[in-house]
Protein backbone atom coordinates (compact mmCIF):
# COMPACT_ATOMS: atom_id res chain seq x y z
CA MET A 1 0.14 -21.87 -59.17
CA GLN A 2 -1.10 -25.24 -57.92
CA ILE A 3 1.15 -26.76 -55.26
CA HIS A 4 1.00 -30.52 -54.75
CA SER A 5 1.87 -32.19 -51.46
CA SER A 6 4.90 -34.50 -51.50
CA GLY A 7 3.49 -36.69 -48.74
CA ARG A 8 6.49 -35.92 -46.51
CA ARG A 9 6.15 -34.52 -43.01
CA ASP A 10 8.97 -32.17 -42.09
CA PHE A 11 9.67 -28.53 -41.36
CA VAL A 12 13.01 -26.77 -41.07
CA VAL A 13 14.03 -23.14 -41.56
CA LEU A 14 17.15 -23.39 -43.69
CA GLU A 15 18.25 -19.79 -43.95
CA PHE A 16 17.28 -16.30 -42.78
CA GLU A 17 18.87 -13.08 -43.96
CA THR A 18 18.32 -9.33 -43.69
CA SER A 19 20.41 -6.38 -44.81
CA ASN A 20 22.43 -6.55 -41.56
CA SER A 21 22.22 -10.18 -40.41
CA ARG A 22 22.55 -13.71 -41.74
CA LEU A 23 21.62 -17.01 -40.14
CA GLN A 24 22.18 -20.47 -41.59
CA LEU A 25 20.13 -22.84 -39.44
CA SER A 26 20.57 -26.12 -41.30
CA GLU A 27 22.81 -27.55 -43.96
CA GLY A 28 19.52 -28.49 -45.59
CA GLN A 29 20.35 -31.51 -47.74
CA GLN A 30 17.17 -32.69 -49.43
CA GLY A 31 15.43 -35.45 -47.53
CA ARG A 32 17.51 -35.20 -44.36
CA GLY A 33 15.66 -36.11 -41.21
CA ILE A 34 12.30 -36.66 -42.89
CA GLY A 35 9.76 -37.76 -40.31
CA GLU A 36 11.54 -36.31 -37.27
CA ALA A 37 11.70 -32.87 -35.61
CA HIS A 38 14.79 -30.80 -36.41
CA PHE A 39 16.90 -29.00 -33.80
CA SER A 40 19.21 -26.04 -34.43
CA ILE A 41 21.42 -25.17 -31.46
CA LEU A 42 22.59 -21.58 -31.73
CA ILE A 43 25.67 -20.78 -29.64
CA GLY A 44 28.12 -17.93 -29.19
CA PRO A 45 29.44 -15.51 -26.55
CA ASN A 46 27.38 -12.68 -25.13
CA GLY A 47 26.92 -9.75 -27.48
CA VAL A 48 27.01 -11.60 -30.81
CA GLY A 49 23.26 -11.25 -31.38
CA LYS A 50 21.79 -14.70 -30.68
CA SER A 51 18.69 -13.37 -28.93
CA ARG A 52 18.17 -10.62 -31.50
CA LEU A 53 18.34 -13.08 -34.38
CA LEU A 54 15.92 -15.48 -32.69
CA ALA A 55 13.46 -12.62 -32.22
CA GLN A 56 13.94 -11.49 -35.83
CA VAL A 57 13.09 -14.93 -37.21
CA VAL A 58 9.96 -15.06 -35.02
CA ASP A 59 8.89 -11.51 -35.93
CA HIS A 60 9.46 -12.19 -39.62
CA LEU A 61 7.23 -15.26 -39.73
CA VAL A 62 4.52 -13.53 -37.67
CA ALA A 63 4.53 -10.51 -40.00
CA LEU A 64 4.41 -12.71 -43.12
CA ASN A 65 1.49 -14.63 -41.64
CA ASP A 66 -0.32 -11.33 -41.00
CA MET A 67 0.23 -10.42 -44.65
CA ARG A 68 -1.07 -13.80 -45.78
CA SER A 69 -4.16 -13.33 -43.61
CA ARG A 70 -4.74 -9.78 -44.93
CA ARG A 71 -4.40 -8.45 -41.39
CA PRO A 72 -2.48 -5.36 -40.25
CA ILE A 73 1.09 -6.33 -39.40
CA ALA A 74 1.23 -6.95 -35.65
CA ASP A 75 4.47 -5.03 -35.13
CA ALA A 76 5.02 -2.71 -38.07
CA ARG A 77 8.10 -1.16 -36.44
CA THR A 78 9.86 -4.51 -36.65
CA PHE A 79 8.88 -5.53 -40.16
CA THR A 80 8.60 -2.21 -42.04
CA PRO A 81 12.40 -1.76 -42.51
CA TRP A 82 12.50 -5.00 -44.50
CA LEU A 83 9.65 -3.80 -46.73
CA SER A 84 11.11 -0.34 -47.36
CA ALA A 85 12.70 0.59 -50.68
CA SER A 86 16.19 0.15 -49.23
CA GLY A 87 15.47 -2.86 -47.01
CA GLN A 88 15.65 -6.53 -47.88
CA SER A 89 15.11 -9.93 -46.31
CA LEU A 90 15.06 -13.59 -47.23
CA ILE A 91 13.73 -16.65 -45.47
CA ARG A 92 14.10 -20.12 -46.91
CA TYR A 93 12.48 -23.18 -45.38
CA ARG A 94 11.36 -26.70 -46.21
CA LEU A 95 7.84 -27.77 -45.27
CA ASP A 96 6.52 -31.25 -46.08
CA GLY A 97 9.21 -31.72 -48.72
CA GLN A 98 8.53 -28.40 -50.49
CA GLU A 99 11.41 -25.92 -50.51
CA CYS A 100 10.06 -22.40 -50.09
CA THR A 101 11.70 -18.99 -50.39
CA ILE A 102 10.14 -15.65 -49.46
CA GLU A 103 12.17 -12.56 -50.31
CA THR A 104 11.48 -8.87 -49.75
CA ALA A 105 13.37 -6.22 -51.72
CA HIS A 106 12.56 -2.70 -52.90
CA GLY A 107 9.23 -2.84 -51.09
CA GLN A 108 8.10 -5.98 -52.94
CA VAL A 109 7.55 -9.57 -51.76
CA THR A 110 8.47 -12.44 -54.08
CA CYS A 111 7.90 -16.13 -53.35
CA GLU A 112 9.09 -19.41 -54.81
CA VAL A 113 8.15 -23.03 -54.19
CA ASN A 114 10.68 -25.56 -55.52
CA GLY A 115 12.09 -22.86 -57.80
CA ASN A 116 8.71 -21.82 -59.24
CA ARG A 117 7.10 -18.43 -58.58
CA ALA A 118 4.09 -18.47 -56.25
CA HIS A 119 1.77 -16.08 -54.42
CA LEU A 120 2.35 -15.53 -50.71
CA ASP A 121 -1.15 -16.65 -49.74
CA GLU A 122 -0.77 -20.01 -51.53
CA MET A 123 2.67 -20.85 -50.16
CA PRO A 124 3.09 -23.86 -47.85
CA PHE A 125 3.48 -22.03 -44.55
CA PRO A 126 4.01 -23.05 -40.90
CA LYS A 127 0.93 -23.20 -38.67
CA LYS A 128 2.48 -21.97 -35.44
CA VAL A 129 5.35 -19.98 -33.97
CA ILE A 130 6.13 -20.44 -30.26
CA ALA A 131 8.58 -18.13 -28.45
CA VAL A 132 9.96 -19.13 -25.04
CA ALA A 133 12.32 -17.20 -22.75
CA HIS A 134 13.33 -17.91 -19.15
CA LEU A 135 14.50 -14.47 -18.07
CA PRO A 136 12.23 -11.56 -17.02
CA VAL A 137 13.66 -9.46 -19.88
CA ASP A 138 13.74 -10.93 -23.38
CA ARG A 139 13.60 -9.75 -27.00
CA PHE A 140 10.50 -11.63 -28.11
CA ARG A 141 7.35 -9.69 -28.85
CA PHE A 142 4.91 -9.91 -25.97
CA GLY A 143 1.55 -11.43 -26.85
CA ARG A 144 -1.45 -12.63 -24.93
CA PRO A 145 -2.54 -16.21 -25.71
CA ASP A 146 -5.88 -15.01 -27.10
CA GLN A 147 -4.43 -12.44 -29.50
CA THR A 148 -3.61 -14.81 -32.34
CA GLU A 149 -3.65 -18.52 -32.99
CA PHE A 150 -0.43 -18.31 -35.01
CA TYR A 151 1.92 -16.78 -32.41
CA ALA A 152 2.28 -18.00 -28.83
CA TYR A 153 4.51 -16.06 -26.42
CA LEU A 154 5.48 -18.26 -23.48
CA GLY A 155 8.02 -16.00 -21.80
CA LEU A 156 7.89 -14.70 -18.24
CA ARG A 157 6.61 -11.23 -19.07
CA GLN A 158 2.98 -10.43 -18.36
CA ALA A 159 0.73 -7.46 -19.04
CA THR A 160 1.46 -6.22 -15.50
CA ASN A 161 5.23 -6.89 -15.74
CA LEU A 162 4.81 -8.89 -12.52
CA THR A 163 6.37 -12.35 -12.53
CA THR A 164 5.38 -14.78 -9.76
CA THR A 165 5.37 -18.53 -9.25
CA GLY A 166 1.59 -18.33 -8.81
CA ALA A 167 1.16 -16.61 -12.17
CA LEU A 168 3.28 -19.27 -13.88
CA GLU A 169 1.38 -22.06 -12.12
CA SER A 170 -1.93 -20.66 -13.40
CA LYS A 171 -0.60 -20.69 -16.97
CA VAL A 172 0.68 -24.25 -16.59
CA ILE A 173 -2.68 -25.46 -15.25
CA ALA A 174 -4.52 -23.75 -18.12
CA ALA A 175 -2.16 -25.45 -20.60
CA LEU A 176 -2.65 -28.83 -18.90
CA MET A 177 -6.43 -28.46 -19.10
CA ARG A 178 -6.30 -27.48 -22.78
CA GLY A 179 -3.80 -30.19 -23.62
CA ALA A 180 -5.50 -33.03 -21.75
CA GLY A 181 -8.03 -33.36 -24.56
CA ARG A 182 -5.33 -33.72 -27.23
CA GLU A 183 -4.33 -37.25 -28.10
CA GLY A 184 -1.07 -38.25 -26.43
CA TYR A 185 -0.59 -34.96 -24.56
CA LEU A 186 -0.42 -36.42 -21.05
CA GLU A 187 1.95 -39.15 -22.19
CA ARG A 188 4.24 -36.61 -23.86
CA VAL A 189 4.50 -34.22 -20.91
CA ARG A 190 5.21 -37.08 -18.52
CA HIS A 191 8.57 -37.59 -20.25
CA TRP A 192 9.64 -34.32 -18.60
CA LEU A 193 8.44 -35.55 -15.21
CA THR A 194 10.63 -38.62 -15.68
CA LEU A 195 13.65 -36.47 -16.56
CA VAL A 196 13.46 -34.57 -13.25
CA GLN A 197 12.58 -37.75 -11.29
CA LEU A 198 9.00 -36.78 -10.48
CA GLY A 199 6.19 -39.32 -10.35
CA GLN A 200 3.63 -39.70 -13.12
CA GLU A 201 0.73 -38.44 -11.02
CA LEU A 202 -0.85 -35.15 -12.11
CA HIS A 203 -3.80 -33.53 -10.40
CA VAL A 204 -5.39 -30.09 -10.16
CA THR A 205 -7.01 -28.57 -7.08
CA PHE A 206 -9.53 -25.73 -7.18
CA GLY A 207 -9.80 -24.07 -3.77
CA GLY A 208 -11.70 -21.22 -2.19
CA ILE A 209 -14.75 -21.83 -4.40
CA ASN A 210 -17.46 -19.33 -3.48
CA PRO A 211 -20.21 -21.41 -1.78
CA GLU A 212 -23.00 -19.00 -2.80
CA LEU A 213 -22.18 -19.44 -6.47
CA TRP A 214 -21.55 -23.17 -6.05
CA ASN A 215 -25.04 -23.65 -4.67
CA CYS A 216 -26.78 -21.84 -7.55
CA SER A 217 -28.86 -24.30 -9.56
CA THR A 218 -30.16 -21.99 -12.31
CA TRP A 219 -28.59 -19.51 -14.69
CA ASP A 220 -30.71 -16.62 -13.46
CA SER A 221 -29.82 -17.20 -9.81
CA PHE A 222 -26.15 -17.52 -10.76
CA VAL A 223 -26.19 -14.15 -12.57
CA ASP A 224 -27.88 -12.38 -9.66
CA THR A 225 -25.54 -13.94 -7.10
CA ALA A 226 -22.40 -13.18 -9.11
CA ARG A 227 -23.37 -9.52 -9.41
CA GLU A 228 -24.05 -9.36 -5.67
CA VAL A 229 -20.68 -10.98 -4.87
CA VAL A 230 -18.82 -8.46 -7.03
CA LEU A 231 -20.86 -5.55 -5.64
CA ARG A 232 -19.99 -6.51 -2.07
CA ARG A 233 -16.32 -6.64 -2.93
CA ILE A 234 -15.85 -3.40 -4.89
CA GLY A 235 -18.86 -1.36 -3.74
CA ARG A 236 -21.49 0.44 -5.75
CA GLY A 237 -20.15 3.34 -7.73
CA ARG A 238 -18.33 4.29 -10.90
CA ARG A 239 -16.00 1.28 -10.72
CA PHE A 240 -18.89 -1.16 -10.44
CA SER A 241 -20.71 0.52 -13.34
CA SER A 242 -17.62 0.24 -15.53
CA GLN A 243 -17.15 -3.43 -14.63
CA ILE A 244 -20.74 -4.66 -14.95
CA GLU A 245 -20.69 -4.94 -18.76
CA LYS A 246 -17.46 -6.94 -18.69
CA LEU A 247 -18.90 -9.14 -15.94
CA ASN A 248 -22.06 -9.80 -17.96
CA ASN A 249 -19.99 -10.81 -20.99
CA GLU A 250 -17.88 -13.25 -18.96
CA LEU A 251 -20.56 -14.83 -16.77
CA PRO A 252 -21.41 -17.56 -19.35
CA SER A 253 -17.83 -18.85 -19.07
CA ALA A 254 -18.00 -18.71 -15.27
CA TRP A 255 -21.33 -20.58 -15.26
CA TYR A 256 -19.86 -23.20 -17.59
CA PHE A 257 -16.90 -23.65 -15.22
CA PHE A 258 -19.09 -24.22 -12.15
CA GLU A 259 -21.50 -26.58 -13.91
CA THR A 260 -18.70 -28.62 -15.50
CA VAL A 261 -16.69 -28.94 -12.28
CA LYS A 262 -19.84 -30.19 -10.53
CA SER A 263 -20.15 -32.95 -13.13
CA LEU A 264 -16.56 -34.20 -12.80
CA SER A 265 -15.50 -37.02 -10.49
CA ALA A 266 -13.23 -35.55 -7.84
CA ILE A 267 -10.36 -37.43 -6.18
CA SER A 268 -11.12 -35.55 -2.98
CA SER A 269 -13.35 -32.73 -1.77
CA GLU A 270 -13.79 -30.73 1.39
CA SER A 271 -15.53 -27.61 2.63
CA LYS A 272 -13.54 -24.94 4.43
CA SER A 273 -14.41 -21.61 5.97
CA ARG A 274 -13.12 -19.82 2.89
CA GLY A 275 -14.94 -22.03 0.41
CA HIS A 276 -15.13 -25.47 -1.17
CA GLN A 277 -12.09 -27.37 -2.46
CA PHE A 278 -12.00 -30.14 -5.08
CA THR A 279 -9.09 -32.14 -6.50
CA PHE A 280 -9.20 -33.82 -9.92
CA ASP A 281 -6.93 -36.13 -11.88
CA ALA A 282 -5.56 -34.44 -15.02
CA SER A 283 -7.37 -36.96 -17.24
CA SER A 284 -10.69 -35.53 -15.98
CA PHE A 285 -10.24 -32.61 -18.37
CA ALA A 286 -9.94 -34.73 -21.52
CA LYS A 287 -13.36 -33.75 -22.92
CA GLU A 288 -13.96 -30.11 -22.02
CA GLY A 289 -10.54 -28.93 -20.88
CA ALA A 290 -10.04 -26.14 -23.42
CA LYS A 291 -13.36 -24.46 -22.66
CA LEU A 292 -12.91 -25.12 -18.95
CA ALA A 293 -9.52 -23.36 -19.01
CA ILE A 294 -11.22 -20.20 -20.27
CA GLY A 295 -13.76 -20.48 -17.48
CA LEU A 296 -10.99 -20.92 -14.90
CA GLU A 297 -9.35 -17.69 -16.02
CA VAL A 298 -12.68 -15.87 -15.62
CA VAL A 299 -13.54 -17.22 -12.16
CA ARG A 300 -10.02 -16.47 -10.92
CA ARG A 301 -10.18 -12.94 -12.28
CA TRP A 302 -13.49 -12.24 -10.51
CA ARG A 303 -12.29 -14.09 -7.39
CA PHE A 304 -15.12 -16.61 -7.51
CA VAL A 305 -12.36 -19.21 -7.06
CA SER A 306 -9.36 -18.12 -5.02
CA GLU A 307 -6.76 -20.70 -6.02
CA ALA A 308 -5.80 -23.35 -8.54
CA LEU A 309 -2.94 -25.68 -7.65
CA LEU A 310 -1.01 -28.20 -9.73
CA GLY A 311 -0.22 -31.34 -7.73
CA LEU A 312 2.64 -33.74 -8.46
CA ARG A 313 4.39 -36.66 -6.79
CA LYS A 314 8.02 -36.54 -5.60
CA ALA A 315 9.64 -39.38 -3.65
CA GLN A 316 6.22 -40.79 -2.71
CA GLU A 317 5.14 -37.41 -1.34
CA ARG A 318 2.39 -35.31 -2.89
CA ILE A 319 3.65 -31.78 -3.54
CA SER A 320 2.43 -28.67 -5.35
CA PHE A 321 4.05 -26.82 -8.23
CA ASN A 322 5.32 -24.03 -5.98
CA GLN A 323 7.32 -26.57 -3.96
CA LEU A 324 9.40 -27.57 -6.98
CA SER A 325 12.90 -26.19 -7.48
CA SER A 326 13.34 -23.39 -10.01
CA GLY A 327 14.81 -25.87 -12.51
CA GLU A 328 11.91 -28.29 -12.07
CA GLN A 329 9.42 -25.45 -12.46
CA GLN A 330 11.20 -24.29 -15.60
CA LEU A 331 11.10 -27.69 -17.31
CA VAL A 332 7.57 -28.64 -16.25
CA GLY A 333 6.18 -25.15 -16.84
CA THR A 334 7.77 -24.67 -20.25
CA HIS A 335 6.98 -28.01 -21.79
CA PHE A 336 3.46 -28.44 -20.46
CA ARG A 337 2.72 -25.12 -22.18
CA VAL A 338 4.67 -25.84 -25.38
CA GLN A 339 2.93 -29.19 -25.88
CA ALA A 340 -0.49 -27.55 -25.53
CA GLU A 341 0.36 -25.22 -28.44
CA MET A 342 1.90 -27.70 -30.91
CA GLU A 343 0.59 -27.96 -34.47
CA HIS A 344 1.81 -29.53 -37.72
CA GLY A 345 4.48 -27.16 -39.00
CA THR A 346 5.64 -25.37 -35.84
CA LEU A 347 8.70 -23.24 -35.13
CA VAL A 348 9.73 -23.29 -31.45
CA ALA A 349 12.31 -20.64 -30.50
CA ILE A 350 13.73 -20.95 -26.96
CA ASP A 351 16.25 -18.46 -25.59
CA GLU A 352 18.61 -19.83 -22.91
CA PRO A 353 16.77 -23.08 -22.08
CA GLU A 354 19.58 -24.06 -19.70
CA VAL A 355 18.61 -21.47 -17.06
CA SER A 356 18.35 -23.19 -13.62
CA LEU A 357 18.83 -26.68 -15.10
CA HIS A 358 21.14 -29.30 -13.57
CA PRO A 359 23.91 -30.38 -16.00
CA SER A 360 22.46 -33.91 -16.20
CA TRP A 361 19.12 -32.44 -17.34
CA GLN A 362 20.88 -30.24 -19.90
CA THR A 363 22.65 -33.30 -21.31
CA ARG A 364 19.32 -35.09 -21.87
CA TYR A 365 17.29 -32.01 -22.82
CA VAL A 366 17.39 -32.28 -26.62
CA GLU A 367 16.74 -36.03 -26.70
CA THR A 368 13.83 -35.73 -24.25
CA PHE A 369 12.39 -32.87 -26.28
CA ARG A 370 12.78 -34.90 -29.47
CA THR A 371 10.93 -37.84 -27.89
CA THR A 372 7.97 -35.60 -27.02
CA LEU A 373 7.77 -34.37 -30.63
CA LYS A 374 7.33 -37.76 -32.29
CA ASP A 375 3.70 -36.88 -33.01
CA PHE A 376 4.84 -33.57 -34.54
CA PRO A 377 7.70 -34.40 -36.95
CA ALA A 378 7.15 -31.15 -38.88
CA THR A 379 8.70 -29.10 -36.09
CA HIS A 380 11.84 -26.97 -36.03
CA VAL A 381 13.24 -26.13 -32.58
CA ILE A 382 15.85 -23.36 -32.34
CA LEU A 383 17.72 -23.15 -29.04
CA GLY A 384 19.89 -20.13 -28.21
CA THR A 385 22.24 -21.42 -25.51
CA HIS A 386 25.58 -21.18 -23.71
CA SER A 387 25.38 -24.83 -22.62
CA HIS A 388 28.01 -27.21 -23.98
CA PHE A 389 25.99 -30.05 -22.44
CA MET A 390 23.12 -29.35 -24.84
CA VAL A 391 25.52 -29.13 -27.77
CA SER A 392 26.89 -32.60 -26.99
CA ASP A 393 23.29 -33.90 -27.27
CA ALA A 394 22.97 -32.65 -30.88
CA LYS A 395 22.42 -35.93 -32.71
CA PRO A 396 22.82 -35.96 -36.51
CA PRO A 397 21.25 -35.84 -39.01
CA THR A 398 18.33 -33.94 -37.45
CA SER A 399 20.37 -31.56 -35.29
CA THR A 400 22.58 -28.68 -36.37
CA VAL A 401 24.97 -26.66 -34.23
CA VAL A 402 25.08 -23.03 -35.40
CA VAL A 403 28.06 -20.80 -34.56
CA PRO A 404 29.11 -17.17 -35.21
CA LYS A 405 30.80 -16.71 -38.56
CA THR A 406 34.39 -15.55 -38.21
CA GLY A 407 34.91 -11.92 -39.20
CA GLU A 408 31.23 -11.03 -39.72
CA ALA A 409 28.89 -9.27 -37.32
CA MET A 410 25.41 -10.75 -36.80
CA ALA A 411 26.26 -13.73 -39.02
CA PHE A 412 25.93 -17.40 -38.04
CA GLU A 413 26.61 -20.61 -39.95
CA ALA A 414 26.25 -24.35 -39.41
CA PHE A 415 29.21 -25.85 -37.54
CA ARG A 416 30.96 -28.53 -39.56
CA GLY A 417 32.21 -31.33 -37.41
CA PRO A 418 30.88 -34.07 -35.11
CA VAL A 419 29.68 -33.05 -31.64
CA TYR A 420 27.17 -35.73 -30.58
CA GLY A 421 28.33 -37.62 -27.51
CA ARG A 422 31.64 -35.75 -27.31
CA SER A 423 33.13 -34.90 -23.91
CA PRO A 424 32.61 -31.47 -22.31
CA GLU A 425 36.32 -30.62 -22.87
CA ASN A 426 36.02 -31.55 -26.54
CA VAL A 427 32.89 -29.43 -27.09
CA LEU A 428 34.19 -26.46 -25.10
CA TYR A 429 37.34 -26.31 -27.20
CA ARG A 430 36.15 -27.28 -30.69
CA VAL A 431 32.72 -25.60 -30.66
CA PHE A 432 32.79 -22.85 -28.02
CA GLY A 433 36.46 -21.97 -28.51
CA THR A 434 37.33 -22.09 -24.82
CA GLY A 435 39.71 -24.26 -22.85
CA ALA A 436 43.19 -24.42 -21.37
CA VAL A 437 46.36 -24.94 -23.36
CA SER A 438 46.82 -28.19 -21.40
CA ASN A 439 43.50 -29.49 -22.75
CA PHE A 440 43.98 -32.87 -24.49
CA TYR A 441 42.23 -31.61 -27.64
CA VAL A 442 44.39 -28.48 -27.77
CA GLU A 443 47.48 -30.67 -27.59
CA ARG A 444 46.11 -32.93 -30.32
CA ASP A 445 45.47 -29.93 -32.59
CA LEU A 446 49.01 -28.68 -31.98
CA ALA A 447 50.50 -32.07 -32.82
CA HIS A 448 48.41 -32.35 -35.99
CA ALA A 449 49.37 -28.84 -37.13
CA LEU A 450 53.07 -29.50 -36.55
CA LYS A 451 52.89 -32.73 -38.55
CA MET A 452 51.38 -30.87 -41.51
CA ILE A 453 53.89 -28.02 -41.26
CA SER A 454 56.84 -30.44 -41.10
CA GLY A 455 55.57 -32.57 -43.99
CA VAL A 456 54.96 -35.73 -41.93
CA ILE A 457 51.38 -35.76 -43.23
CA PRO A 458 49.89 -34.03 -46.31
CA LEU A 459 49.11 -30.32 -45.90
CA ASP A 460 45.38 -29.54 -45.79
CA LYS A 461 45.10 -25.74 -45.77
CA THR A 462 41.41 -25.71 -44.86
CA GLU A 463 41.96 -27.96 -41.87
CA LEU A 464 45.08 -26.04 -40.84
CA MET A 465 43.15 -22.76 -40.93
CA GLN A 466 40.43 -24.26 -38.71
CA ILE A 467 43.04 -25.49 -36.23
CA GLU A 468 44.64 -22.04 -36.13
CA GLU A 469 41.26 -20.42 -35.34
CA ARG A 470 40.67 -22.88 -32.49
CA LEU A 471 44.16 -22.40 -31.05
CA ARG A 472 43.96 -18.60 -31.14
CA SER A 473 40.75 -18.75 -29.10
CA VAL A 474 42.55 -20.32 -26.12
CA VAL A 475 46.14 -19.07 -26.37
CA GLU A 476 47.46 -16.64 -23.76
CA ARG A 477 49.31 -13.53 -24.90
CA ASP A 478 52.47 -14.50 -23.02
CA ASN A 479 53.08 -17.82 -24.81
CA PRO A 480 56.09 -17.35 -27.14
CA ALA A 481 56.18 -21.04 -28.11
CA LEU A 482 52.69 -20.88 -29.57
CA ASP A 483 53.48 -17.54 -31.23
CA LYS A 484 56.25 -19.28 -33.18
CA ILE A 485 53.86 -22.06 -34.22
CA PHE A 486 51.38 -19.46 -35.52
CA ILE A 487 54.17 -17.91 -37.61
CA GLU A 488 54.95 -21.32 -39.10
CA ILE A 489 51.24 -21.94 -39.80
CA GLU A 490 50.98 -18.61 -41.62
CA ARG A 491 54.01 -19.49 -43.75
CA ALA A 492 52.51 -22.86 -44.64
CA MET A 493 49.23 -21.20 -45.63
CA ARG A 494 50.89 -18.92 -48.23
């Protein structure tokens, strides 16, 4: 089947379903939000499966991409149940104006594009899946950045299970170096600096640079010196023998790092007893940043360079990344890394983005994120959150609030009703189902229900049922007056 491009630039996952879960992520009207990133804000109390569903969507797309690429499925334990004779799954999405459906049932995969059958490997398909979590334990599949170009895991977990500010800072610096060469990257990430009231200055400092290696002028002398440096540190023996092959393979990247850093114009430099130190503006990495980031990882691993620091400006004072608050680190760290991974057709899944964030930052989170994605309109961001501040920032038509479906386990649907710009009390009651009986919106619902029951206004059974659901979520058990109203509502619904 030949698939023709519509010329549109959009991406949104409309629906995801397995034999034991269902997730409606967008109302999906054709043409909605064309040319702008889409946000789905997934809410609900603890225990309803938000994190599990986010991870399932991510795993599903990763496994389908592995199948398209004729590679072994990365996590067969996750995907195999959907491919078994008794399992089933469905994912429906719109990419660049083409509506696509991929369904698995009875061990078979069937695909459609705009209602026409297609092969999996010729389907329009997203280019990237990014998973972000802000807690040490999350449900996303762990993955190293170099494992696959399709999936990027940006959670806190590491291969060593050790989480430190220094480890996060190293990842942020690597992302900044890779991203600096991408058009508009530095401008996009600076929107997040503005949100947390940091200055626009960005610089990177490499410290503790081994002077013996720095002074090497030829490749041969660099190789000999590097081996000697490692030998002095770990000693001759079985460990050195096992490491020498790995060292030899990585020395070209280390050599590239030293030679490139020597060619850059430093903001400042100094020599200390523990090695040289150089500071560079972030724009210095615009040409060779991606390759230089690989070299930085190598020289840090072999301790040829002892530190890499991200410098910022706060209230006219130059500070380092580790001096930021946890909320500032979370925002800067997450979005410097996300922006370095973005491609046309990207799904970004973020679990609990509100962790450590001030309410004023939560309120502006979605809009700031949307601003940074103007160069990537074919992006779908799914946020799993408990924050009513983020919900109130869900601007139609390119944002959807997704809530648990009443009476069904592991089922979510799009919330029907306006939320953008509404007050915290309004959102807490209407969307989250929490609030006090004295809440203005609770009282308004009660008055509206009584008017319908008494015949003052026409009876709308659908609206009355929705009001009853909201009222039951906040009513106390010892409220006989409300109990009587519920009895009257039930009579009116018959």
